[in-house]
């Protein structure tokens, strides 16, 4: 995995004014997928990833069984729905982007990616 950015901040929920920093990582699969997309779509994805760095727990929705450890963020480009699937690691304060792609068959691909042996 490659570190994409280390500049996002998120408010800690303990009531203090301290900021928690999130580091964003892209898996090879996610990196290859976004490189094959149109440039305006890549810019939209980059902006979405920057926003995810700021507050990944609130911007995405937790998926249901069997993908409960994964969050999904939705974006729209030219009338098509795209998804960004990611996992959080609060201990290391990192966001791992697992897959980026169009909504069609996205969750099937995600399950295959996570549970392939």
PDB file of N, CA and C in Angstrom:
ATOM      1  N   UNK A   1       0.841  -1.176   0.000  1.00  0.00           N
ATOM      2  CA  UNK A   1       0.000   0.000   0.000  1.00  0.00           C
ATOM      3  C   UNK A   1       0.883   1.235   0.000  1.00  0.00           C
ATOM      4  N   UNK A   2       0.397   2.259  -0.628  1.00  0.00           N
ATOM      5  CA  UNK A   2       1.167   3.491  -0.673  1.00  0.00           C
ATOM      6  C   UNK A   2       0.414   4.583   0.062  1.00  0.00           C
ATOM      7  N   UNK A   3       1.154   5.373   0.816  1.00  0.00           N
ATOM      8  CA  UNK A   3       0.529   6.494   1.520  1.00  0.00           C
ATOM      9  C   UNK A   3       0.199   7.567   0.511  1.00  0.00           C
ATOM     10  N   UNK A   4      -1.020   8.033   0.535  1.00  0.00           N
ATOM     11  CA  UNK A   4      -1.441   9.054  -0.409  1.00  0.00           C
ATOM     12  C   UNK A   4      -1.277  10.434   0.199  1.00  0.00           C
ATOM     13  N   UNK A   5      -1.728  10.593   1.434  1.00  0.00           N
ATOM     14  CA  UNK A   5      -1.635  11.900   2.060  1.00  0.00           C
ATOM     15  C   UNK A   5      -1.627  11.744   3.562  1.00  0.00           C
ATOM     16  N   UNK A   6      -1.151  12.746   4.228  1.00  0.00           N
ATOM     17  CA  UNK A   6      -1.049  12.726   5.676  1.00  0.00           C
ATOM     18  C   UNK A   6      -1.428  14.090   6.216  1.00  0.00           C
ATOM     19  N   UNK A   7      -2.482  14.681   5.666  1.00  0.00           N
ATOM     20  CA  UNK A   7      -2.814  16.045   6.059  1.00  0.00           C
ATOM     21  C   UNK A   7      -4.235  16.194   6.595  1.00  0.00           C
ATOM     22  N   UNK A   8      -4.971  15.097   6.721  1.00  0.00           N
ATOM     23  CA  UNK A   8      -6.348  15.202   7.186  1.00  0.00           C
ATOM     24  C   UNK A   8      -6.441  15.256   8.689  1.00  0.00           C
ATOM     25  N   UNK A   9      -7.432  15.968   9.193  1.00  0.00           N
ATOM     26  CA  UNK A   9      -7.643  16.056  10.621  1.00  0.00           C
ATOM     27  C   UNK A   9      -9.098  15.786  10.929  1.00  0.00           C
ATOM     28  N   UNK A  10      -9.343  15.254  12.090  1.00  0.00           N
ATOM     29  CA  UNK A  10     -10.700  14.945  12.513  1.00  0.00           C
ATOM     30  C   UNK A  10     -10.820  15.274  13.993  1.00  0.00           C
ATOM     31  N   UNK A  11     -11.942  15.828  14.415  1.00  0.00           N
ATOM     32  CA  UNK A  11     -12.144  16.140  15.817  1.00  0.00           C
ATOM     33  C   UNK A  11     -12.270  14.854  16.625  1.00  0.00           C
ATOM     34  N   UNK A  12     -11.603  14.800  17.755  1.00  0.00           N
ATOM     35  CA  UNK A  12     -11.729  13.672  18.669  1.00  0.00           C
ATOM     36  C   UNK A  12     -13.050  13.834  19.411  1.00  0.00           C
ATOM     37  N   UNK A  13     -13.746  12.715  19.621  1.00  0.00           N
ATOM     38  CA  UNK A  13     -15.081  12.762  20.223  1.00  0.00           C
ATOM     39  C   UNK A  13     -15.070  12.836  21.743  1.00  0.00           C
ATOM     40  N   UNK A  14     -13.906  13.029  22.373  1.00  0.00           N
ATOM     41  CA  UNK A  14     -13.864  13.039  23.838  1.00  0.00           C
ATOM     42  C   UNK A  14     -14.131  14.420  24.423  1.00  0.00           C
ATOM     43  N   UNK A  15     -14.493  15.392  23.589  1.00  0.00           N
ATOM     44  CA  UNK A  15     -14.822  16.712  24.083  1.00  0.00           C
ATOM     45  C   UNK A  15     -13.642  17.657  24.129  1.00  0.00           C
ATOM     46  N   UNK A  16     -12.437  17.165  23.956  1.00  0.00           N
ATOM     47  CA  UNK A  16     -11.267  18.047  23.970  1.00  0.00           C
ATOM     48  C   UNK A  16     -11.109  18.707  22.608  1.00  0.00           C
ATOM     49  N   UNK A  17     -10.249  19.697  22.530  1.00  0.00           N
ATOM     50  CA  UNK A  17     -10.005  20.394  21.278  1.00  0.00           C
ATOM     51  C   UNK A  17      -8.860  19.774  20.494  1.00  0.00           C
ATOM     52  N   UNK A  18      -8.358  18.632  20.937  1.00  0.00           N
ATOM     53  CA  UNK A  18      -7.261  17.972  20.240  1.00  0.00           C
ATOM     54  C   UNK A  18      -7.748  17.442  18.894  1.00  0.00           C
ATOM     55  N   UNK A  19      -6.847  17.416  17.931  1.00  0.00           N
ATOM     56  CA  UNK A  19      -7.179  16.905  16.608  1.00  0.00           C
ATOM     57  C   UNK A  19      -6.540  15.549  16.407  1.00  0.00           C
ATOM     58  N   UNK A  20      -7.266  14.677  15.723  1.00  0.00           N
ATOM     59  CA  UNK A  20      -6.732  13.364  15.408  1.00  0.00           C
ATOM     60  C   UNK A  20      -6.391  13.352  13.926  1.00  0.00           C
ATOM     61  N   UNK A  21      -5.199  12.919  13.603  1.00  0.00           N
ATOM     62  CA  UNK A  21      -4.736  12.919  12.230  1.00  0.00           C
ATOM     63  C   UNK A  21      -4.937  11.544  11.604  1.00  0.00           C
ATOM     64  N   UNK A  22      -5.507  11.508  10.398  1.00  0.00           N
ATOM     65  CA  UNK A  22      -5.734  10.266   9.676  1.00  0.00           C
ATOM     66  C   UNK A  22      -4.790  10.202   8.489  1.00  0.00           C
ATOM     67  N   UNK A  23      -4.162   9.064   8.285  1.00  0.00           N
ATOM     68  CA  UNK A  23      -3.315   8.827   7.129  1.00  0.00           C
ATOM     69  C   UNK A  23      -4.094   7.963   6.154  1.00  0.00           C
ATOM     70  N   UNK A  24      -4.029   8.305   4.895  1.00  0.00           N
ATOM     71  CA  UNK A  24      -4.790   7.602   3.870  1.00  0.00           C
ATOM     72  C   UNK A  24      -3.864   6.707   3.060  1.00  0.00           C
ATOM     73  N   UNK A  25      -4.274   5.457   2.886  1.00  0.00           N
ATOM     74  CA  UNK A  25      -3.528   4.492   2.083  1.00  0.00           C
ATOM     75  C   UNK A  25      -4.430   3.940   0.990  1.00  0.00           C
ATOM     76  N   UNK A  26      -3.866   3.743  -0.189  1.00  0.00           N
ATOM     77  CA  UNK A  26      -4.580   3.101  -1.292  1.00  0.00           C
ATOM     78  C   UNK A  26      -4.002   1.716  -1.514  1.00  0.00           C
ATOM     79  N   UNK A  27      -4.857   0.715  -1.628  1.00  0.00           N
ATOM     80  CA  UNK A  27      -4.368  -0.603  -2.019  1.00  0.00           C
ATOM     81  C   UNK A  27      -4.006  -0.538  -3.503  1.00  0.00           C
ATOM     82  N   UNK A  28      -3.262  -1.496  -3.959  1.00  0.00           N
ATOM     83  CA  UNK A  28      -2.875  -1.535  -5.370  1.00  0.00           C
ATOM     84  C   UNK A  28      -4.122  -1.605  -6.264  1.00  0.00           C
ATOM     85  N   UNK A  29      -5.116  -2.360  -5.839  1.00  0.00           N
ATOM     86  CA  UNK A  29      -6.355  -2.495  -6.599  1.00  0.00           C
ATOM     87  C   UNK A  29      -7.058  -1.147  -6.742  1.00  0.00           C
ATOM     88  N   UNK A  30      -7.167  -0.402  -5.656  1.00  0.00           N
ATOM     89  CA  UNK A  30      -7.828   0.904  -5.695  1.00  0.00           C
ATOM     90  C   UNK A  30      -7.022   1.896  -6.528  1.00  0.00           C
ATOM     91  N   UNK A  31      -5.713   1.856  -6.391  1.00  0.00           N
ATOM     92  CA  UNK A  31      -4.859   2.768  -7.147  1.00  0.00           C
ATOM     93  C   UNK A  31      -4.972   2.517  -8.648  1.00  0.00           C
ATOM     94  N   UNK A  32      -4.949   1.259  -9.048  1.00  0.00           N
ATOM     95  CA  UNK A  32      -5.074   0.913 -10.472  1.00  0.00           C
ATOM     96  C   UNK A  32      -6.446   1.314 -11.009  1.00  0.00           C
ATOM     97  N   UNK A  33      -7.485   1.113 -10.211  1.00  0.00           N
ATOM     98  CA  UNK A  33      -8.842   1.439 -10.656  1.00  0.00           C
ATOM     99  C   UNK A  33      -8.993   2.934 -10.909  1.00  0.00           C
ATOM    100  N   UNK A  34      -8.479   3.760 -10.007  1.00  0.00           N
ATOM    101  CA  UNK A  34      -8.656   5.198 -10.179  1.00  0.00           C
ATOM    102  C   UNK A  34      -7.781   5.741 -11.297  1.00  0.00           C
ATOM    103  N   UNK A  35      -6.653   5.107 -11.586  1.00  0.00           N
ATOM    104  CA  UNK A  35      -5.786   5.565 -12.668  1.00  0.00           C
ATOM    105  C   UNK A  35      -6.413   5.335 -14.040  1.00  0.00           C
ATOM    106  N   UNK A  36      -7.349   4.397 -14.152  1.00  0.00           N
ATOM    107  CA  UNK A  36      -7.991   4.090 -15.422  1.00  0.00           C
ATOM    108  C   UNK A  36      -9.241   4.926 -15.681  1.00  0.00           C
ATOM    109  N   UNK A  37      -9.528   5.884 -14.823  1.00  0.00           N
ATOM    110  CA  UNK A  37     -10.740   6.685 -14.961  1.00  0.00           C
ATOM    111  C   UNK A  37     -10.428   8.023 -15.630  1.00  0.00           C
ATOM    112  N   UNK A  38     -11.495   8.701 -16.101  1.00  0.00           N
ATOM    113  CA  UNK A  38     -11.356  10.023 -16.698  1.00  0.00           C
ATOM    114  C   UNK A  38     -10.706  10.987 -15.715  1.00  0.00           C
ATOM    115  N   UNK A  39      -9.972  11.968 -16.238  1.00  0.00           N
ATOM    116  CA  UNK A  39      -9.298  12.923 -15.370  1.00  0.00           C
ATOM    117  C   UNK A  39     -10.279  13.704 -14.479  1.00  0.00           C
ATOM    118  N   UNK A  40     -11.412  14.212 -15.004  1.00  0.00           N
ATOM    119  CA  UNK A  40     -12.348  14.912 -14.104  1.00  0.00           C
ATOM    120  C   UNK A  40     -12.878  14.004 -12.991  1.00  0.00           C
ATOM    121  N   UNK A  41     -13.090  12.733 -13.292  1.00  0.00           N
ATOM    122  CA  UNK A  41     -13.543  11.785 -12.276  1.00  0.00           C
ATOM    123  C   UNK A  41     -12.441  11.543 -11.245  1.00  0.00           C
ATOM    124  N   UNK A  42     -11.198  11.435 -11.694  1.00  0.00           N
ATOM    125  CA  UNK A  42     -10.075  11.263 -10.754  1.00  0.00           C
ATOM    126  C   UNK A  42      -9.966  12.460  -9.814  1.00  0.00           C
ATOM    127  N   UNK A  43     -10.204  13.662 -10.332  1.00  0.00           N
ATOM    128  CA  UNK A  43     -10.164  14.863  -9.490  1.00  0.00           C
ATOM    129  C   UNK A  43     -11.292  14.809  -8.458  1.00  0.00           C
ATOM    130  N   UNK A  44     -12.472  14.390  -8.884  1.00  0.00           N
ATOM    131  CA  UNK A  44     -13.603  14.245  -7.974  1.00  0.00           C
ATOM    132  C   UNK A  44     -13.305  13.208  -6.894  1.00  0.00           C
ATOM    133  N   UNK A  45     -12.668  12.108  -7.281  1.00  0.00           N
ATOM    134  CA  UNK A  45     -12.292  11.066  -6.326  1.00  0.00           C
ATOM    135  C   UNK A  45     -11.242  11.590  -5.354  1.00  0.00           C
ATOM    136  N   UNK A  46     -10.253  12.326  -5.872  1.00  0.00           N
ATOM    137  CA  UNK A  46      -9.222  12.888  -4.996  1.00  0.00           C
ATOM    138  C   UNK A  46      -9.842  13.809  -3.956  1.00  0.00           C
ATOM    139  N   UNK A  47     -10.788  14.654  -4.382  1.00  0.00           N
ATOM    140  CA  UNK A  47     -11.461  15.550  -3.445  1.00  0.00           C
ATOM    141  C   UNK A  47     -12.254  14.762  -2.400  1.00  0.00           C
ATOM    142  N   UNK A  48     -12.905  13.684  -2.832  1.00  0.00           N
ATOM    143  CA  UNK A  48     -13.645  12.841  -1.894  1.00  0.00           C
ATOM    144  C   UNK A  48     -12.696  12.182  -0.892  1.00  0.00           C
ATOM    145  N   UNK A  49     -11.521  11.760  -1.366  1.00  0.00           N
ATOM    146  CA  UNK A  49     -10.543  11.146  -0.469  1.00  0.00           C
ATOM    147  C   UNK A  49     -10.009  12.158   0.538  1.00  0.00           C
ATOM    148  N   UNK A  50      -9.815  13.398   0.118  1.00  0.00           N
ATOM    149  CA  UNK A  50      -9.384  14.448   1.048  1.00  0.00           C
ATOM    150  C   UNK A  50     -10.439  14.685   2.123  1.00  0.00           C
ATOM    151  N   UNK A  51     -11.706  14.674   1.724  1.00  0.00           N
ATOM    152  CA  UNK A  51     -12.786  14.829   2.707  1.00  0.00           C
ATOM    153  C   UNK A  51     -12.841  13.633   3.654  1.00  0.00           C
ATOM    154  N   UNK A  52     -12.618  12.432   3.108  1.00  0.00           N
ATOM    155  CA  UNK A  52     -12.620  11.229   3.961  1.00  0.00           C
ATOM    156  C   UNK A  52     -11.536  11.310   5.021  1.00  0.00           C
ATOM    157  N   UNK A  53     -10.396  11.888   4.681  1.00  0.00           N
ATOM    158  CA  UNK A  53      -9.307  12.050   5.648  1.00  0.00           C
ATOM    159  C   UNK A  53      -9.734  12.897   6.835  1.00  0.00           C
ATOM    160  N   UNK A  54     -10.621  13.831   6.595  1.00  0.00           N
ATOM    161  CA  UNK A  54     -11.029  14.743   7.647  1.00  0.00           C
ATOM    162  C   UNK A  54     -11.995  14.090   8.635  1.00  0.00           C
ATOM    163  N   UNK A  55     -12.907  13.266   8.154  1.00  0.00           N
ATOM    164  CA  UNK A  55     -13.873  12.627   9.051  1.00  0.00           C
ATOM    165  C   UNK A  55     -14.411  11.335   8.436  1.00  0.00           C
ATOM    166  N   UNK A  56     -13.603  10.281   8.395  1.00  0.00           N
ATOM    167  CA  UNK A  56     -14.003   9.048   7.711  1.00  0.00           C
ATOM    168  C   UNK A  56     -15.167   8.314   8.362  1.00  0.00           C
ATOM    169  N   UNK A  57     -15.356   8.485   9.663  1.00  0.00           N
ATOM    170  CA  UNK A  57     -16.412   7.756  10.347  1.00  0.00           C
ATOM    171  C   UNK A  57     -17.797   8.314  10.028  1.00  0.00           C
ATOM    172  N   UNK A  58     -17.883   9.588   9.737  1.00  0.00           N
ATOM    173  CA  UNK A  58     -19.181  10.207   9.467  1.00  0.00           C
ATOM    174  C   UNK A  58     -19.518  10.291   7.986  1.00  0.00           C
ATOM    175  N   UNK A  59     -18.515  10.380   7.123  1.00  0.00           N
ATOM    176  CA  UNK A  59     -18.790  10.572   5.697  1.00  0.00           C
ATOM    177  C   UNK A  59     -19.199   9.289   4.985  1.00  0.00           C
ATOM    178  N   UNK A  60     -18.782   8.164   5.496  1.00  0.00           N
ATOM    179  CA  UNK A  60     -19.147   6.902   4.875  1.00  0.00           C
ATOM    180  C   UNK A  60     -20.212   6.189   5.673  1.00  0.00           C
ATOM    181  N   UNK A  61     -20.809   5.196   5.049  1.00  0.00           N
ATOM    182  CA  UNK A  61     -21.776   4.382   5.777  1.00  0.00           C
ATOM    183  C   UNK A  61     -21.207   2.974   5.948  1.00  0.00           C
ATOM    184  N   UNK A  62     -21.402   2.426   7.140  1.00  0.00           N
ATOM    185  CA  UNK A  62     -20.925   1.074   7.419  1.00  0.00           C
ATOM    186  C   UNK A  62     -21.797   0.082   6.657  1.00  0.00           C
ATOM    187  N   UNK A  63     -21.147  -0.885   6.025  1.00  0.00           N
ATOM    188  CA  UNK A  63     -21.871  -1.878   5.242  1.00  0.00           C
ATOM    189  C   UNK A  63     -22.427  -2.976   6.142  1.00  0.00           C
ATOM    190  N   UNK A  64     -23.356  -3.747   5.599  1.00  0.00           N
ATOM    191  CA  UNK A  64     -23.974  -4.829   6.358  1.00  0.00           C
ATOM    192  C   UNK A  64     -23.210  -6.133   6.147  1.00  0.00           C
ATOM    193  N   UNK A  65     -23.682  -7.195   6.796  1.00  0.00           N
ATOM    194  CA  UNK A  65     -23.030  -8.506   6.716  1.00  0.00           C
ATOM    195  C   UNK A  65     -22.845  -8.919   5.267  1.00  0.00           C
ATOM    196  N   UNK A  66     -21.786  -9.521   4.871  1.00  0.00           N
ATOM    197  CA  UNK A  66     -20.593  -9.909   5.623  1.00  0.00           C
ATOM    198  C   UNK A  66     -19.483  -8.861   5.579  1.00  0.00           C
ATOM    199  N   UNK A  67     -19.831  -7.622   5.232  1.00  0.00           N
ATOM    200  CA  UNK A  67     -18.820  -6.579   5.057  1.00  0.00           C
ATOM    201  C   UNK A  67     -18.895  -5.511   6.155  1.00  0.00           C
ATOM    202  N   UNK A  68     -19.161  -5.910   7.387  1.00  0.00           N
ATOM    203  CA  UNK A  68     -19.371  -4.942   8.460  1.00  0.00           C
ATOM    204  C   UNK A  68     -18.117  -4.164   8.839  1.00  0.00           C
ATOM    205  N   UNK A  69     -16.946  -4.629   8.441  1.00  0.00           N
ATOM    206  CA  UNK A  69     -15.716  -3.904   8.768  1.00  0.00           C
ATOM    207  C   UNK A  69     -15.391  -2.842   7.723  1.00  0.00           C
ATOM    208  N   UNK A  70     -16.255  -2.707   6.711  1.00  0.00           N
ATOM    209  CA  UNK A  70     -15.987  -1.815   5.587  1.00  0.00           C
ATOM    210  C   UNK A  70     -16.992  -0.665   5.569  1.00  0.00           C
ATOM    211  N   UNK A  71     -16.506   0.518   5.193  1.00  0.00           N
ATOM    212  CA  UNK A  71     -17.347   1.683   4.987  1.00  0.00           C
ATOM    213  C   UNK A  71     -17.419   1.966   3.491  1.00  0.00           C
ATOM    214  N   UNK A  72     -18.485   2.639   3.068  1.00  0.00           N
ATOM    215  CA  UNK A  72     -18.648   2.987   1.662  1.00  0.00           C
ATOM    216  C   UNK A  72     -19.015   4.466   1.552  1.00  0.00           C
ATOM    217  N   UNK A  73     -18.330   5.165   0.655  1.00  0.00           N
ATOM    218  CA  UNK A  73     -18.631   6.570   0.379  1.00  0.00           C
ATOM    219  C   UNK A  73     -19.127   6.652  -1.052  1.00  0.00           C
ATOM    220  N   UNK A  74     -20.187   7.422  -1.299  1.00  0.00           N
ATOM    221  CA  UNK A  74     -20.824   7.483  -2.614  1.00  0.00           C
ATOM    222  C   UNK A  74     -20.543   8.812  -3.281  1.00  0.00           C
ATOM    223  N   UNK A  75     -20.225   8.770  -4.572  1.00  0.00           N
ATOM    224  CA  UNK A  75     -20.086   9.982  -5.366  1.00  0.00           C
ATOM    225  C   UNK A  75     -20.810   9.766  -6.694  1.00  0.00           C
ATOM    226  N   UNK A  76     -21.200  10.871  -7.327  1.00  0.00           N
ATOM    227  CA  UNK A  76     -21.889  10.812  -8.610  1.00  0.00           C
ATOM    228  C   UNK A  76     -21.090  11.599  -9.637  1.00  0.00           C
ATOM    229  N   UNK A  77     -20.925  11.011 -10.821  1.00  0.00           N
ATOM    230  CA  UNK A  77     -20.195  11.657 -11.910  1.00  0.00           C
ATOM    231  C   UNK A  77     -20.944  11.379 -13.204  1.00  0.00           C
ATOM    232  N   UNK A  78     -21.359  12.444 -13.878  1.00  0.00           N
ATOM    233  CA  UNK A  78     -22.104  12.344 -15.140  1.00  0.00           C
ATOM    234  C   UNK A  78     -23.304  11.407 -15.025  1.00  0.00           C
ATOM    235  N   UNK A  79     -24.024  11.508 -13.915  1.00  0.00           N
ATOM    236  CA  UNK A  79     -25.224  10.712 -13.719  1.00  0.00           C
ATOM    237  C   UNK A  79     -24.984   9.274 -13.303  1.00  0.00           C
ATOM    238  N   UNK A  80     -23.730   8.872 -13.142  1.00  0.00           N
ATOM    239  CA  UNK A  80     -23.409   7.502 -12.706  1.00  0.00           C
ATOM    240  C   UNK A  80     -22.938   7.521 -11.256  1.00  0.00           C
ATOM    241  N   UNK A  81     -23.323   6.477 -10.543  1.00  0.00           N
ATOM    242  CA  UNK A  81     -22.920   6.322  -9.150  1.00  0.00           C
ATOM    243  C   UNK A  81     -21.578   5.603  -9.064  1.00  0.00           C
ATOM    244  N   UNK A  82     -20.684   6.121  -8.224  1.00  0.00           N
ATOM    245  CA  UNK A  82     -19.394   5.485  -7.958  1.00  0.00           C
ATOM    246  C   UNK A  82     -19.257   5.291  -6.461  1.00  0.00           C
ATOM    247  N   UNK A  83     -18.485   4.298  -6.087  1.00  0.00           N
ATOM    248  CA  UNK A  83     -18.285   3.963  -4.681  1.00  0.00           C
ATOM    249  C   UNK A  83     -16.801   3.953  -4.331  1.00  0.00           C
ATOM    250  N   UNK A  84     -16.524   4.312  -3.080  1.00  0.00           N
ATOM    251  CA  UNK A  84     -15.188   4.193  -2.504  1.00  0.00           C
ATOM    252  C   UNK A  84     -15.357   3.347  -1.254  1.00  0.00           C
ATOM    253  N   UNK A  85     -14.751   2.165  -1.241  1.00  0.00           N
ATOM    254  CA  UNK A  85     -14.839   1.273  -0.080  1.00  0.00           C
ATOM    255  C   UNK A  85     -13.547   1.398   0.719  1.00  0.00           C
ATOM    256  N   UNK A  86     -13.684   1.498   2.039  1.00  0.00           N
ATOM    257  CA  UNK A  86     -12.505   1.673   2.888  1.00  0.00           C
ATOM    258  C   UNK A  86     -12.712   1.060   4.262  1.00  0.00           C
ATOM    259  N   UNK A  87     -11.592   0.794   4.916  1.00  0.00           N
ATOM    260  CA  UNK A  87     -11.591   0.310   6.289  1.00  0.00           C
ATOM    261  C   UNK A  87     -10.826   1.304   7.138  1.00  0.00           C
ATOM    262  N   UNK A  88     -11.219   1.386   8.406  1.00  0.00           N
ATOM    263  CA  UNK A  88     -10.555   2.277   9.349  1.00  0.00           C
ATOM    264  C   UNK A  88      -9.716   1.475  10.326  1.00  0.00           C
ATOM    265  N   UNK A  89      -8.591   2.050  10.691  1.00  0.00           N
ATOM    266  CA  UNK A  89      -7.757   1.484  11.738  1.00  0.00           C
ATOM    267  C   UNK A  89      -7.513   2.585  12.769  1.00  0.00           C
ATOM    268  N   UNK A  90      -8.388   2.690  13.785  1.00  0.00           N
ATOM    269  CA  UNK A  90      -8.261   3.761  14.772  1.00  0.00           C
ATOM    270  C   UNK A  90      -6.947   3.711  15.560  1.00  0.00           C
ATOM    271  N   UNK A  91      -6.389   2.513  15.739  1.00  0.00           N
ATOM    272  CA  UNK A  91      -5.140   2.386  16.499  1.00  0.00           C
ATOM    273  C   UNK A  91      -3.995   3.110  15.801  1.00  0.00           C
ATOM    274  N   UNK A  92      -3.930   2.966  14.486  1.00  0.00           N
ATOM    275  CA  UNK A  92      -2.866   3.610  13.713  1.00  0.00           C
ATOM    276  C   UNK A  92      -3.359   4.887  13.040  1.00  0.00           C
ATOM    277  N   UNK A  93      -4.627   5.224  13.271  1.00  0.00           N
ATOM    278  CA  UNK A  93      -5.258   6.401  12.697  1.00  0.00           C
ATOM    279  C   UNK A  93      -5.070   6.438  11.186  1.00  0.00           C
ATOM    280  N   UNK A  94      -5.424   5.331  10.540  1.00  0.00           N
ATOM    281  CA  UNK A  94      -5.279   5.246   9.093  1.00  0.00           C
ATOM    282  C   UNK A  94      -6.582   4.803   8.434  1.00  0.00           C
ATOM    283  N   UNK A  95      -6.757   5.262   7.203  1.00  0.00           N
ATOM    284  CA  UNK A  95      -7.878   4.900   6.362  1.00  0.00           C
ATOM    285  C   UNK A  95      -7.290   4.126   5.191  1.00  0.00           C
ATOM    286  N   UNK A  96      -7.749   2.892   4.978  1.00  0.00           N
ATOM    287  CA  UNK A  96      -7.249   2.061   3.888  1.00  0.00           C
ATOM    288  C   UNK A  96      -8.338   1.962   2.828  1.00  0.00           C
ATOM    289  N   UNK A  97      -8.051   2.539   1.657  1.00  0.00           N
ATOM    290  CA  UNK A  97      -8.996   2.504   0.544  1.00  0.00           C
ATOM    291  C   UNK A  97      -8.839   1.152  -0.144  1.00  0.00           C
ATOM    292  N   UNK A  98      -9.894   0.361  -0.126  1.00  0.00           N
ATOM    293  CA  UNK A  98      -9.853  -0.994  -0.673  1.00  0.00           C
ATOM    294  C   UNK A  98     -10.186  -1.042  -2.155  1.00  0.00           C
ATOM    295  N   UNK A  99     -11.217  -0.297  -2.562  1.00  0.00           N
ATOM    296  CA  UNK A  99     -11.698  -0.397  -3.930  1.00  0.00           C
ATOM    297  C   UNK A  99     -12.411   0.894  -4.310  1.00  0.00           C
ATOM    298  N   UNK A 100     -12.221   1.308  -5.560  1.00  0.00           N
ATOM    299  CA  UNK A 100     -12.900   2.470  -6.119  1.00  0.00           C
ATOM    300  C   UNK A 100     -13.495   2.027  -7.448  1.00  0.00           C
ATOM    301  N   UNK A 101     -14.779   2.328  -7.663  1.00  0.00           N
ATOM    302  CA  UNK A 101     -15.357   1.918  -8.937  1.00  0.00           C
ATOM    303  C   UNK A 101     -16.818   2.257  -9.069  1.00  0.00           C
ATOM    304  N   UNK A 102     -17.379   1.949 -10.248  1.00  0.00           N
ATOM    305  CA  UNK A 102     -18.802   2.192 -10.468  1.00  0.00           C
ATOM    306  C   UNK A 102     -19.653   1.271  -9.597  1.00  0.00           C
ATOM    307  N   UNK A 103     -20.874   1.709  -9.315  1.00  0.00           N
ATOM    308  CA  UNK A 103     -21.760   0.963  -8.425  1.00  0.00           C
ATOM    309  C   UNK A 103     -22.087  -0.430  -8.958  1.00  0.00           C
ATOM    310  N   UNK A 104     -22.155  -0.584 -10.260  1.00  0.00           N
ATOM    311  CA  UNK A 104     -22.522  -1.869 -10.854  1.00  0.00           C
ATOM    312  C   UNK A 104     -21.530  -2.964 -10.460  1.00  0.00           C
ATOM    313  N   UNK A 105     -22.013  -3.996  -9.801  1.00  0.00           N
ATOM    314  CA  UNK A 105     -21.230  -5.141  -9.319  1.00  0.00           C
ATOM    315  C   UNK A 105     -20.127  -4.764  -8.329  1.00  0.00           C
ATOM    316  N   UNK A 106     -20.183  -3.567  -7.770  1.00  0.00           N
ATOM    317  CA  UNK A 106     -19.133  -3.092  -6.873  1.00  0.00           C
ATOM    318  C   UNK A 106     -19.000  -3.966  -5.626  1.00  0.00           C
ATOM    319  N   UNK A 107     -20.121  -4.251  -4.987  1.00  0.00           N
ATOM    320  CA  UNK A 107     -20.059  -4.994  -3.729  1.00  0.00           C
ATOM    321  C   UNK A 107     -19.693  -6.457  -3.959  1.00  0.00           C
ATOM    322  N   UNK A 108     -20.040  -7.005  -5.097  1.00  0.00           N
ATOM    323  CA  UNK A 108     -19.608  -8.363  -5.449  1.00  0.00           C
ATOM    324  C   UNK A 108     -18.080  -8.390  -5.618  1.00  0.00           C
ATOM    325  N   UNK A 109     -17.541  -7.390  -6.312  1.00  0.00           N
ATOM    326  CA  UNK A 109     -16.085  -7.299  -6.482  1.00  0.00           C
ATOM    327  C   UNK A 109     -15.393  -7.109  -5.138  1.00  0.00           C
ATOM    328  N   UNK A 110     -16.000  -6.302  -4.273  1.00  0.00           N
ATOM    329  CA  UNK A 110     -15.430  -6.053  -2.957  1.00  0.00           C
ATOM    330  C   UNK A 110     -15.385  -7.330  -2.124  1.00  0.00           C
ATOM    331  N   UNK A 111     -16.477  -8.111  -2.147  1.00  0.00           N
ATOM    332  CA  UNK A 111     -16.486  -9.386  -1.417  1.00  0.00           C
ATOM    333  C   UNK A 111     -15.431 -10.335  -1.965  1.00  0.00           C
ATOM    334  N   UNK A 112     -15.314 -10.396  -3.289  1.00  0.00           N
ATOM    335  CA  UNK A 112     -14.282 -11.250  -3.893  1.00  0.00           C
ATOM    336  C   UNK A 112     -12.880 -10.794  -3.500  1.00  0.00           C
ATOM    337  N   UNK A 113     -12.678  -9.488  -3.429  1.00  0.00           N
ATOM    338  CA  UNK A 113     -11.379  -8.947  -3.052  1.00  0.00           C
ATOM    339  C   UNK A 113     -11.032  -9.297  -1.604  1.00  0.00           C
ATOM    340  N   UNK A 114     -12.002  -9.182  -0.716  1.00  0.00           N
ATOM    341  CA  UNK A 114     -11.736  -9.416   0.701  1.00  0.00           C
ATOM    342  C   UNK A 114     -11.678 -10.892   1.081  1.00  0.00           C
ATOM    343  N   UNK A 115     -12.473 -11.716   0.409  1.00  0.00           N
ATOM    344  CA  UNK A 115     -12.565 -13.110   0.828  1.00  0.00           C
ATOM    345  C   UNK A 115     -11.938 -14.109  -0.137  1.00  0.00           C
ATOM    346  N   UNK A 116     -11.237 -13.629  -1.158  1.00  0.00           N
ATOM    347  CA  UNK A 116     -10.536 -14.544  -2.070  1.00  0.00           C
ATOM    348  C   UNK A 116      -9.320 -15.135  -1.353  1.00  0.00           C
ATOM    349  N   UNK A 117      -9.067 -16.396  -1.588  1.00  0.00           N
ATOM    350  CA  UNK A 117      -7.921 -17.002  -0.910  1.00  0.00           C
ATOM    351  C   UNK A 117      -6.804 -17.322  -1.837  1.00  0.00           C
TER     352      UNK A 117
END
